[in-house]
Amino acid sequence: MLDRPVPWRDAWERALYGDAGFFRTSRPGDHFRTSAHVGLFAEAVAELARRTSAATVVDVGAGGGELLTALDALLPGTELVGVELAGRPDGLPDRITWGPELPDRVEGVLIANEWLDNVPCPVVEVDDDGVVREVLVDPRTGRESLGEPYDSRWLGTWWPVAGPGRRAEDGQARDAAWADAVSRVHGTAIAIDYGHVRDDRPLFGSLRSYAGGREADVVPDGSRDVTAHVAVDAVAAACGGRLVRQRDALAVLGVDGSRPPIDRARSDPAGYLRALNRAGEAGELRARGGLGDFWWIIADTAGHGTLAT
């Protein structure tokens, strides 16, 4: 562990992806719940794969393999690939390919669920004289200080900051990471994340940490997640993609939160309970103020047009 302040991007990279980093030593499912942990989400991904005749489904940032394990039963003839730095999870079905690198070529669907928010990027803050400076951080304590003046064309285009104390995260690295992923896909590439657009950027940035299912102090020491919301409009522009809210995308894929008719509880109690559970999962995935507010950045590189809303 370094004993001096370093740029946030460097500390963030080491905290998540270094030899003892969070994503090398932890399973995300032990710390927070994502769409991939809701069973009905896998059914929506399977439906997308069927509609587009996908030969392969790639899960980027595959965590503990929860989505791919569910897809194993839903898509028996489809190649399934998990991309994750951590080692192969115990009990993962044998036919699922697992490794740390994106495939060179994907014929089908590539899903990156809450991946871009963990791509480290520079953090900047405007000082008392109105100068934009890079923010430094002590990796041991999370204590911050201001470094050298910071100039970025990306910030000028996508996230101009002015006024003492205002902060931003420079998303160039995220744009590049997603553009690279999309360039490998003949089919449909979808990044799913919480984010913001140019007219609604957070005034003081969005750095957060989570551990053990709760929000924690933002300290890049490897013991917790470090995340920041995604400038989704910039990412979409970088890959020629379009933006859709998760609630709308899932509706197109048949995820319906309607409760089953109460009469079914008398005629088919077990079926009613199953339908009620599905409605609850659909409601969670499509909820306003929750997972339903997530953005889908959709790049259709094969002209399927499947998720037109």
Protein backbone atom coordinates (compact mmCIF):
# COMPACT_ATOMS: atom_id res chain seq x y z
CA MET A 1 0.00 0.00 0.00
CA LEU A 2 1.36 3.40 -0.97
CA ASP A 3 1.94 5.93 1.81
CA ARG A 4 1.47 9.08 -0.28
CA PRO A 5 -1.43 10.65 -2.16
CA VAL A 6 -1.84 9.49 -5.76
CA PRO A 7 -4.31 10.37 -8.53
CA TRP A 8 -7.68 8.81 -7.88
CA ARG A 9 -7.58 6.79 -11.09
CA ASP A 10 -4.36 5.05 -10.03
CA ALA A 11 -5.60 4.27 -6.52
CA TRP A 12 -8.95 3.08 -7.90
CA GLU A 13 -7.29 0.76 -10.42
CA ARG A 14 -5.10 -0.79 -7.74
CA ALA A 15 -7.96 -1.10 -5.25
CA LEU A 16 -10.18 -3.03 -7.65
CA TYR A 17 -7.80 -4.85 -9.96
CA GLY A 18 -4.40 -5.03 -8.26
CA ASP A 19 -3.01 -8.34 -7.01
CA ALA A 20 -5.04 -8.01 -3.80
CA GLY A 21 -7.80 -5.91 -5.37
CA PHE A 22 -11.47 -6.18 -4.54
CA PHE A 23 -12.50 -7.95 -7.74
CA ARG A 24 -9.66 -10.46 -7.51
CA THR A 25 -10.49 -11.48 -3.95
CA SER A 26 -14.26 -10.92 -3.62
CA ARG A 27 -17.46 -12.00 -5.31
CA PRO A 28 -19.72 -8.99 -6.01
CA GLY A 29 -22.78 -10.98 -4.95
CA ASP A 30 -21.43 -11.04 -1.39
CA HIS A 31 -21.53 -7.25 -1.25
CA PHE A 32 -24.38 -5.93 -3.41
CA ARG A 33 -27.38 -7.06 -5.42
CA THR A 34 -27.57 -6.41 -9.16
CA SER A 35 -30.03 -7.34 -11.89
CA ALA A 36 -28.00 -10.50 -12.55
CA HIS A 37 -29.05 -11.79 -9.12
CA VAL A 38 -32.76 -11.61 -10.04
CA GLY A 39 -33.86 -14.79 -11.80
CA LEU A 40 -36.17 -13.14 -14.32
CA PHE A 41 -33.30 -11.07 -15.70
CA ALA A 42 -31.72 -14.20 -17.16
CA GLU A 43 -34.99 -15.00 -18.92
CA ALA A 44 -34.92 -11.57 -20.57
CA VAL A 45 -31.34 -12.08 -21.75
CA ALA A 46 -32.29 -15.52 -23.07
CA GLU A 47 -35.20 -14.00 -24.96
CA LEU A 48 -32.89 -11.44 -26.54
CA ALA A 49 -30.49 -14.22 -27.54
CA ARG A 50 -33.30 -16.19 -29.15
CA ARG A 51 -34.70 -13.22 -31.04
CA THR A 52 -31.29 -12.42 -32.48
CA SER A 53 -30.28 -16.06 -33.11
CA ALA A 54 -27.18 -15.47 -31.00
CA ALA A 55 -24.56 -18.20 -31.21
CA THR A 56 -22.80 -16.82 -28.13
CA VAL A 57 -23.66 -14.84 -24.99
CA VAL A 58 -20.76 -13.10 -23.25
CA ASP A 59 -21.15 -11.73 -19.71
CA VAL A 60 -18.53 -9.04 -19.00
CA GLY A 61 -17.85 -8.58 -15.29
CA ALA A 62 -19.48 -11.92 -14.66
CA GLY A 63 -19.03 -11.85 -10.87
CA GLY A 64 -19.90 -15.24 -9.43
CA GLY A 65 -21.36 -16.52 -12.70
CA GLU A 66 -24.97 -16.13 -11.55
CA LEU A 67 -26.33 -14.95 -14.91
CA LEU A 68 -24.45 -17.57 -16.93
CA THR A 69 -25.51 -20.37 -14.59
CA ALA A 70 -29.15 -19.41 -15.13
CA LEU A 71 -28.60 -19.17 -18.89
CA ASP A 72 -27.10 -22.68 -18.93
CA ALA A 73 -30.60 -24.12 -18.49
CA LEU A 74 -32.33 -21.54 -20.69
CA LEU A 75 -29.99 -21.62 -23.71
CA PRO A 76 -28.70 -25.19 -24.01
CA GLY A 77 -27.36 -24.72 -27.55
CA THR A 78 -25.67 -21.36 -27.03
CA GLU A 79 -22.01 -20.80 -26.19
CA LEU A 80 -21.69 -19.04 -22.83
CA VAL A 81 -18.63 -17.01 -21.87
CA GLY A 82 -17.80 -15.26 -18.60
CA VAL A 83 -15.22 -12.45 -18.51
CA GLU A 84 -13.94 -11.83 -14.99
CA LEU A 85 -10.57 -11.30 -13.29
CA ALA A 86 -11.42 -13.54 -10.35
CA GLY A 87 -10.94 -17.27 -10.77
CA ARG A 88 -13.59 -19.63 -12.04
CA PRO A 89 -16.37 -20.06 -9.45
CA ASP A 90 -16.86 -23.44 -7.85
CA GLY A 91 -19.79 -25.32 -9.32
CA LEU A 92 -19.98 -23.35 -12.56
CA PRO A 93 -21.39 -25.59 -15.32
CA ASP A 94 -18.55 -27.17 -17.27
CA ARG A 95 -19.62 -25.86 -20.66
CA ILE A 96 -19.29 -22.21 -19.59
CA THR A 97 -15.99 -20.67 -20.71
CA TRP A 98 -14.34 -18.44 -18.08
CA GLY A 99 -11.38 -16.08 -18.27
CA PRO A 100 -10.05 -12.54 -17.74
CA GLU A 101 -10.03 -11.32 -21.37
CA LEU A 102 -12.71 -10.24 -23.80
CA PRO A 103 -13.03 -12.58 -26.79
CA ASP A 104 -11.58 -11.23 -30.02
CA ARG A 105 -14.89 -11.85 -31.80
CA VAL A 106 -18.44 -12.33 -30.50
CA GLU A 107 -21.18 -13.67 -32.76
CA GLY A 108 -24.23 -12.89 -30.68
CA VAL A 109 -24.89 -10.95 -27.50
CA LEU A 110 -22.45 -9.24 -25.16
CA ILE A 111 -23.82 -8.00 -21.82
CA ALA A 112 -21.88 -5.78 -19.41
CA ASN A 113 -24.01 -5.38 -16.30
CA GLU A 114 -22.57 -2.77 -13.89
CA TRP A 115 -19.13 -3.04 -15.46
CA LEU A 116 -18.48 0.50 -16.71
CA ASP A 117 -19.10 2.06 -13.30
CA ASN A 118 -16.03 0.12 -12.12
CA VAL A 119 -13.75 1.33 -14.93
CA PRO A 120 -11.46 3.76 -13.06
CA CYS A 121 -11.23 7.33 -14.29
CA PRO A 122 -9.63 10.61 -13.18
CA VAL A 123 -11.50 12.64 -10.57
CA VAL A 124 -11.29 16.43 -10.75
CA GLU A 125 -12.35 19.35 -8.58
CA VAL A 126 -12.48 23.11 -9.07
CA ASP A 127 -10.29 24.95 -6.55
CA ASP A 128 -11.03 28.28 -4.86
CA ASP A 129 -9.50 30.17 -7.80
CA GLY A 130 -11.67 28.42 -10.35
CA VAL A 131 -8.91 26.11 -11.62
CA VAL A 132 -9.84 22.50 -12.42
CA ARG A 133 -7.37 20.21 -10.64
CA GLU A 134 -6.93 16.47 -10.45
CA VAL A 135 -7.96 15.01 -7.08
CA LEU A 136 -5.36 12.95 -5.22
CA VAL A 137 -6.17 10.40 -2.54
CA ASP A 138 -4.34 8.57 0.23
CA PRO A 139 -5.18 4.90 -0.51
CA ARG A 140 -4.98 3.97 3.17
CA THR A 141 -7.37 6.56 4.55
CA GLY A 142 -9.32 8.03 1.63
CA ARG A 143 -8.11 11.52 2.56
CA GLU A 144 -8.06 13.76 -0.51
CA SER A 145 -6.01 16.70 -1.71
CA LEU A 146 -5.81 18.68 -4.94
CA GLY A 147 -3.04 18.07 -7.44
CA GLU A 148 -1.98 19.69 -10.69
CA PRO A 149 -4.28 21.62 -13.04
CA TYR A 150 -6.23 19.22 -15.25
CA ASP A 151 -7.26 19.85 -18.83
CA SER A 152 -9.44 17.48 -20.82
CA ARG A 153 -11.33 17.86 -24.07
CA TRP A 154 -13.75 15.19 -22.82
CA LEU A 155 -14.71 17.30 -19.80
CA GLY A 156 -15.24 20.34 -22.01
CA THR A 157 -17.59 18.38 -24.24
CA TRP A 158 -19.41 16.15 -21.80
CA TRP A 159 -19.03 17.47 -18.27
CA PRO A 160 -17.94 21.11 -17.95
CA VAL A 161 -17.29 22.04 -14.32
CA ALA A 162 -17.20 25.55 -12.92
CA GLY A 163 -17.41 26.93 -9.39
CA PRO A 164 -15.27 26.10 -6.34
CA GLY A 165 -15.87 22.63 -4.99
CA ARG A 166 -17.60 21.28 -8.09
CA ARG A 167 -16.37 17.83 -9.09
CA ALA A 168 -16.50 15.46 -12.04
CA GLU A 169 -15.21 12.11 -13.23
CA ASP A 170 -13.50 12.15 -16.62
CA GLY A 171 -15.13 9.32 -18.57
CA GLN A 172 -12.74 9.00 -21.52
CA ALA A 173 -11.51 5.60 -20.35
CA ARG A 174 -15.05 4.29 -20.09
CA ASP A 175 -15.96 5.48 -23.57
CA ALA A 176 -12.85 3.76 -24.94
CA ALA A 177 -13.44 0.53 -23.00
CA TRP A 178 -16.99 0.18 -24.27
CA ALA A 179 -16.12 1.17 -27.84
CA ASP A 180 -13.46 -1.57 -27.80
CA ALA A 181 -15.96 -4.14 -26.51
CA VAL A 182 -18.54 -3.18 -29.16
CA SER A 183 -15.95 -3.41 -31.93
CA ARG A 184 -15.62 -7.14 -31.20
CA VAL A 185 -19.34 -7.89 -31.54
CA HIS A 186 -21.39 -8.92 -34.54
CA GLY A 187 -24.80 -8.83 -32.96
CA THR A 188 -25.95 -6.87 -29.92
CA ALA A 189 -23.79 -5.26 -27.22
CA ILE A 190 -25.50 -3.86 -24.13
CA ALA A 191 -23.90 -1.99 -21.24
CA ILE A 192 -26.25 -1.73 -18.27
CA ASP A 193 -25.47 0.78 -15.53
CA TYR A 194 -26.63 3.61 -13.35
CA GLY A 195 -25.66 6.91 -14.87
CA HIS A 196 -26.44 10.46 -15.91
CA VAL A 197 -26.68 12.63 -19.00
CA ARG A 198 -25.24 16.06 -19.75
CA ASP A 199 -28.22 18.05 -18.49
CA ASP A 200 -28.29 16.17 -15.19
CA ARG A 201 -24.70 15.62 -14.04
CA PRO A 202 -24.10 15.40 -10.28
CA LEU A 203 -22.58 18.68 -9.07
CA PHE A 204 -20.06 17.02 -6.77
CA GLY A 205 -19.28 13.82 -8.63
CA SER A 206 -20.56 10.38 -7.76
CA LEU A 207 -17.77 8.33 -6.15
CA ARG A 208 -19.21 5.66 -3.86
CA SER A 209 -18.09 2.51 -2.05
CA TYR A 210 -20.03 -0.58 -1.00
CA ALA A 211 -19.10 -3.51 1.21
CA GLY A 212 -21.11 -6.21 2.91
CA GLY A 213 -24.35 -5.00 1.35
CA ARG A 214 -24.04 -1.44 2.62
CA GLU A 215 -22.63 1.86 1.49
CA ALA A 216 -19.21 2.45 3.05
CA ASP A 217 -16.66 5.23 3.31
CA VAL A 218 -14.90 5.77 -0.02
CA VAL A 219 -11.43 4.39 0.66
CA PRO A 220 -9.45 2.73 -2.17
CA ASP A 221 -7.75 0.15 0.02
CA GLY A 222 -9.01 -2.99 -1.76
CA SER A 223 -11.48 -3.95 0.96
CA ARG A 224 -14.54 -2.51 -0.78
CA ASP A 225 -16.03 -1.66 -4.13
CA VAL A 226 -15.23 1.75 -5.62
CA THR A 227 -17.73 2.96 -8.18
CA ALA A 228 -18.98 6.09 -9.92
CA HIS A 229 -22.03 6.72 -12.08
CA VAL A 230 -21.54 6.56 -15.84
CA ALA A 231 -21.88 9.46 -18.29
CA VAL A 232 -24.09 7.25 -20.43
CA ASP A 233 -24.65 9.75 -23.24
CA ALA A 234 -20.90 10.01 -23.82
CA VAL A 235 -20.53 6.22 -23.89
CA ALA A 236 -23.42 5.90 -26.34
CA ALA A 237 -21.88 8.52 -28.64
CA ALA A 238 -18.54 6.70 -28.59
CA CYS A 239 -20.04 3.45 -29.87
CA GLY A 240 -22.94 4.70 -31.98
CA GLY A 241 -25.36 3.28 -29.44
CA ARG A 242 -28.69 4.42 -28.07
CA LEU A 243 -30.07 4.81 -24.58
CA VAL A 244 -33.08 2.99 -23.13
CA ARG A 245 -34.17 2.73 -19.51
CA GLN A 246 -34.09 -0.80 -18.14
CA ARG A 247 -37.81 -0.80 -17.35
CA ASP A 248 -38.60 -0.08 -21.01
CA ALA A 249 -36.07 -2.55 -22.44
CA LEU A 250 -37.33 -5.36 -20.22
CA ALA A 251 -40.93 -4.63 -21.17
CA VAL A 252 -39.99 -5.17 -24.83
CA LEU A 253 -38.43 -8.50 -23.83
CA GLY A 254 -41.63 -9.63 -22.12
CA VAL A 255 -40.87 -8.89 -18.47
CA ASP A 256 -44.33 -8.08 -17.10
CA GLY A 257 -44.89 -7.00 -13.50
CA SER A 258 -48.65 -7.61 -13.52
CA ARG A 259 -49.94 -9.60 -10.57
CA PRO A 260 -51.78 -12.85 -11.40
CA PRO A 261 -55.57 -12.85 -10.94
CA ILE A 262 -56.52 -13.63 -7.36
CA ASP A 263 -58.96 -16.35 -8.51
CA ARG A 264 -55.96 -18.42 -9.55
CA ALA A 265 -54.97 -18.72 -5.88
CA ARG A 266 -57.99 -21.00 -5.38
CA SER A 267 -57.80 -22.99 -8.62
CA ASP A 268 -53.99 -23.34 -8.81
CA PRO A 269 -52.32 -22.29 -5.55
CA ALA A 270 -48.83 -23.41 -6.54
CA GLY A 271 -49.06 -21.76 -9.94
CA TYR A 272 -50.39 -18.59 -8.34
CA LEU A 273 -47.40 -18.42 -5.98
CA ARG A 274 -44.97 -18.93 -8.85
CA ALA A 275 -46.67 -16.21 -10.88
CA LEU A 276 -46.69 -13.91 -7.86
CA ASN A 277 -42.97 -14.46 -7.37
CA ARG A 278 -42.32 -13.65 -11.04
CA ALA A 279 -44.37 -10.48 -10.74
CA GLY A 280 -42.29 -9.48 -7.72
CA GLU A 281 -39.05 -10.04 -9.60
CA ALA A 282 -40.35 -8.10 -12.58
CA GLY A 283 -41.36 -5.27 -10.29
CA GLU A 284 -37.87 -5.18 -8.77
CA LEU A 285 -36.15 -5.14 -12.16
CA ARG A 286 -38.43 -2.40 -13.55
CA ALA A 287 -38.89 -0.27 -10.42
CA ARG A 288 -38.64 3.50 -10.66
CA GLY A 289 -36.08 4.75 -8.17
CA GLY A 290 -34.34 1.36 -8.37
CA LEU A 291 -33.12 -1.07 -11.00
CA GLY A 292 -35.69 0.14 -13.51
CA ASP A 293 -33.87 3.49 -13.69
CA PHE A 294 -30.69 1.84 -14.96
CA TRP A 295 -29.64 2.77 -18.48
CA TRP A 296 -29.12 0.27 -21.28
CA ILE A 297 -26.56 1.48 -23.81
CA ILE A 298 -27.47 -0.61 -26.84
CA ALA A 299 -25.22 -1.08 -29.85
CA ASP A 300 -26.83 -3.16 -32.61
CA THR A 301 -23.98 -4.09 -34.93
CA ALA A 302 -25.94 -6.58 -37.03
CA GLY A 303 -29.14 -4.62 -37.78
CA HIS A 304 -31.46 -6.73 -35.60
CA GLY A 305 -33.48 -3.79 -34.26
CA THR A 306 -34.86 -6.11 -31.57
CA LEU A 307 -35.04 -3.63 -28.71
CA ALA A 308 -36.80 -0.77 -30.51
CA THR A 309 -38.99 0.96 -27.93
